[in-house]
């Protein structure tokens, strides 16, 4: 079986990362976020593993469990949690 590896990352020139409007940042707005749709949601069916460094894995690990999701969350967060629980997580260490 052949598998592909693709890299998707956020990069800043000044070390400051801010997403002032992201899915769920405006709870009154249930509209799908077009950036999240293009960057993530359209790709989820083709992804079966995520690669992490230890620090990023630790930062994200609390987000994944579905039982921590609540009904009042933005639907995107629930979808992301379902996706994240489905795929294998690989932590790369030196």
C-alpha atoms as a PDB file:
ATOM      1  CA  UNK A   1       0.000   0.000   0.000  1.00  0.00           C
ATOM      2  CA  UNK A   2       1.289   3.456  -0.923  1.00  0.00           C
ATOM      3  CA  UNK A   3       0.591   6.406   1.348  1.00  0.00           C
ATOM      4  CA  UNK A   4       1.146  10.099   0.804  1.00  0.00           C
ATOM      5  CA  UNK A   5       2.387  12.631   3.288  1.00  0.00           C
ATOM      6  CA  UNK A   6       1.263  16.225   2.969  1.00  0.00           C
ATOM      7  CA  UNK A   7       2.269  19.098   5.162  1.00  0.00           C
ATOM      8  CA  UNK A   8      -0.158  21.729   6.332  1.00  0.00           C
ATOM      9  CA  UNK A   9       1.128  24.212   8.838  1.00  0.00           C
ATOM     10  CA  UNK A  10       0.675  27.722  10.097  1.00  0.00           C
ATOM     11  CA  UNK A  11       3.705  29.959   9.852  1.00  0.00           C
ATOM     12  CA  UNK A  12       4.220  33.508  11.061  1.00  0.00           C
ATOM     13  CA  UNK A  13       7.052  35.915  10.395  1.00  0.00           C
ATOM     14  CA  UNK A  14       6.818  37.587  13.790  1.00  0.00           C
ATOM     15  CA  UNK A  15       6.044  34.555  15.967  1.00  0.00           C
ATOM     16  CA  UNK A  16       2.562  35.854  16.751  1.00  0.00           C
ATOM     17  CA  UNK A  17      -0.378  33.752  15.624  1.00  0.00           C
ATOM     18  CA  UNK A  18      -3.888  35.139  15.766  1.00  0.00           C
ATOM     19  CA  UNK A  19      -7.108  34.031  14.158  1.00  0.00           C
ATOM     20  CA  UNK A  20      -9.531  36.794  15.103  1.00  0.00           C
ATOM     21  CA  UNK A  21     -12.487  35.122  13.381  1.00  0.00           C
ATOM     22  CA  UNK A  22     -12.508  31.351  13.485  1.00  0.00           C
ATOM     23  CA  UNK A  23     -15.332  28.810  13.635  1.00  0.00           C
ATOM     24  CA  UNK A  24     -16.976  29.199  17.009  1.00  0.00           C
ATOM     25  CA  UNK A  25     -15.538  32.644  17.707  1.00  0.00           C
ATOM     26  CA  UNK A  26     -18.995  34.079  17.131  1.00  0.00           C
ATOM     27  CA  UNK A  27     -21.431  31.604  18.735  1.00  0.00           C
ATOM     28  CA  UNK A  28     -24.417  33.432  17.234  1.00  0.00           C
ATOM     29  CA  UNK A  29     -23.106  32.676  13.732  1.00  0.00           C
ATOM     30  CA  UNK A  30     -23.715  29.073  12.656  1.00  0.00           C
ATOM     31  CA  UNK A  31     -22.536  29.683   9.104  1.00  0.00           C
ATOM     32  CA  UNK A  32     -19.711  27.386   7.973  1.00  0.00           C
ATOM     33  CA  UNK A  33     -16.356  29.121   7.854  1.00  0.00           C
ATOM     34  CA  UNK A  34     -15.056  29.088   4.249  1.00  0.00           C
ATOM     35  CA  UNK A  35     -11.396  29.030   5.346  1.00  0.00           C
ATOM     36  CA  UNK A  36     -11.924  26.060   7.666  1.00  0.00           C
ATOM     37  CA  UNK A  37     -13.883  24.316   4.913  1.00  0.00           C
ATOM     38  CA  UNK A  38     -11.038  24.668   2.405  1.00  0.00           C
ATOM     39  CA  UNK A  39      -8.160  24.016   4.804  1.00  0.00           C
ATOM     40  CA  UNK A  40      -9.600  21.156   6.813  1.00  0.00           C
ATOM     41  CA  UNK A  41     -13.069  19.801   6.293  1.00  0.00           C
ATOM     42  CA  UNK A  42     -12.733  18.976   2.581  1.00  0.00           C
ATOM     43  CA  UNK A  43      -9.589  16.954   3.359  1.00  0.00           C
ATOM     44  CA  UNK A  44     -10.753  14.939   6.361  1.00  0.00           C
ATOM     45  CA  UNK A  45     -11.959  11.925   4.371  1.00  0.00           C
ATOM     46  CA  UNK A  46      -8.527  11.484   2.794  1.00  0.00           C
ATOM     47  CA  UNK A  47      -6.541  11.725   6.061  1.00  0.00           C
ATOM     48  CA  UNK A  48      -5.894   8.668   8.220  1.00  0.00           C
ATOM     49  CA  UNK A  49      -3.042   9.895  10.445  1.00  0.00           C
ATOM     50  CA  UNK A  50      -1.738  13.111  11.973  1.00  0.00           C
ATOM     51  CA  UNK A  51       1.937  13.735  12.747  1.00  0.00           C
ATOM     52  CA  UNK A  52       2.844  15.859  15.772  1.00  0.00           C
ATOM     53  CA  UNK A  53       5.792  17.037  17.782  1.00  0.00           C
ATOM     54  CA  UNK A  54       5.338  16.279  21.519  1.00  0.00           C
ATOM     55  CA  UNK A  55       4.454  19.858  22.503  1.00  0.00           C
ATOM     56  CA  UNK A  56       1.729  20.258  19.872  1.00  0.00           C
ATOM     57  CA  UNK A  57       0.302  16.840  20.705  1.00  0.00           C
ATOM     58  CA  UNK A  58       0.072  17.775  24.385  1.00  0.00           C
ATOM     59  CA  UNK A  59      -1.639  21.060  23.511  1.00  0.00           C
ATOM     60  CA  UNK A  60      -4.245  19.350  21.319  1.00  0.00           C
ATOM     61  CA  UNK A  61      -4.828  16.097  23.227  1.00  0.00           C
ATOM     62  CA  UNK A  62      -7.502  17.540  25.518  1.00  0.00           C
ATOM     63  CA  UNK A  63      -9.503  18.751  22.533  1.00  0.00           C
ATOM     64  CA  UNK A  64     -10.123  15.370  20.901  1.00  0.00           C
ATOM     65  CA  UNK A  65     -12.328  13.363  23.217  1.00  0.00           C
ATOM     66  CA  UNK A  66     -15.914  13.548  22.007  1.00  0.00           C
ATOM     67  CA  UNK A  67     -17.240  13.218  25.536  1.00  0.00           C
ATOM     68  CA  UNK A  68     -15.780  16.675  26.248  1.00  0.00           C
ATOM     69  CA  UNK A  69     -17.827  18.219  23.438  1.00  0.00           C
ATOM     70  CA  UNK A  70     -20.970  20.045  24.433  1.00  0.00           C
ATOM     71  CA  UNK A  71     -24.172  20.602  22.507  1.00  0.00           C
ATOM     72  CA  UNK A  72     -23.733  24.375  22.540  1.00  0.00           C
ATOM     73  CA  UNK A  73     -20.376  24.271  20.737  1.00  0.00           C
ATOM     74  CA  UNK A  74     -20.041  25.391  17.145  1.00  0.00           C
ATOM     75  CA  UNK A  75     -20.657  22.359  14.875  1.00  0.00           C
ATOM     76  CA  UNK A  76     -17.150  22.711  13.433  1.00  0.00           C
ATOM     77  CA  UNK A  77     -15.582  21.842  16.795  1.00  0.00           C
ATOM     78  CA  UNK A  78     -17.714  18.695  17.069  1.00  0.00           C
ATOM     79  CA  UNK A  79     -16.734  17.687  13.527  1.00  0.00           C
ATOM     80  CA  UNK A  80     -13.069  18.333  14.288  1.00  0.00           C
ATOM     81  CA  UNK A  81     -13.305  16.229  17.437  1.00  0.00           C
ATOM     82  CA  UNK A  82     -14.913  13.353  15.505  1.00  0.00           C
ATOM     83  CA  UNK A  83     -12.236  13.565  12.816  1.00  0.00           C
ATOM     84  CA  UNK A  84      -9.428  13.715  15.376  1.00  0.00           C
ATOM     85  CA  UNK A  85     -10.693  10.691  17.270  1.00  0.00           C
ATOM     86  CA  UNK A  86     -10.969   8.679  14.059  1.00  0.00           C
ATOM     87  CA  UNK A  87      -7.410   9.160  12.802  1.00  0.00           C
ATOM     88  CA  UNK A  88      -4.173   7.742  14.129  1.00  0.00           C
ATOM     89  CA  UNK A  89      -1.947  10.200  15.984  1.00  0.00           C
ATOM     90  CA  UNK A  90       1.819   9.815  15.577  1.00  0.00           C
ATOM     91  CA  UNK A  91       4.165  11.797  17.831  1.00  0.00           C
ATOM     92  CA  UNK A  92       7.631  12.343  16.386  1.00  0.00           C
ATOM     93  CA  UNK A  93      10.438  12.600  18.944  1.00  0.00           C
ATOM     94  CA  UNK A  94      14.189  12.823  18.599  1.00  0.00           C
END
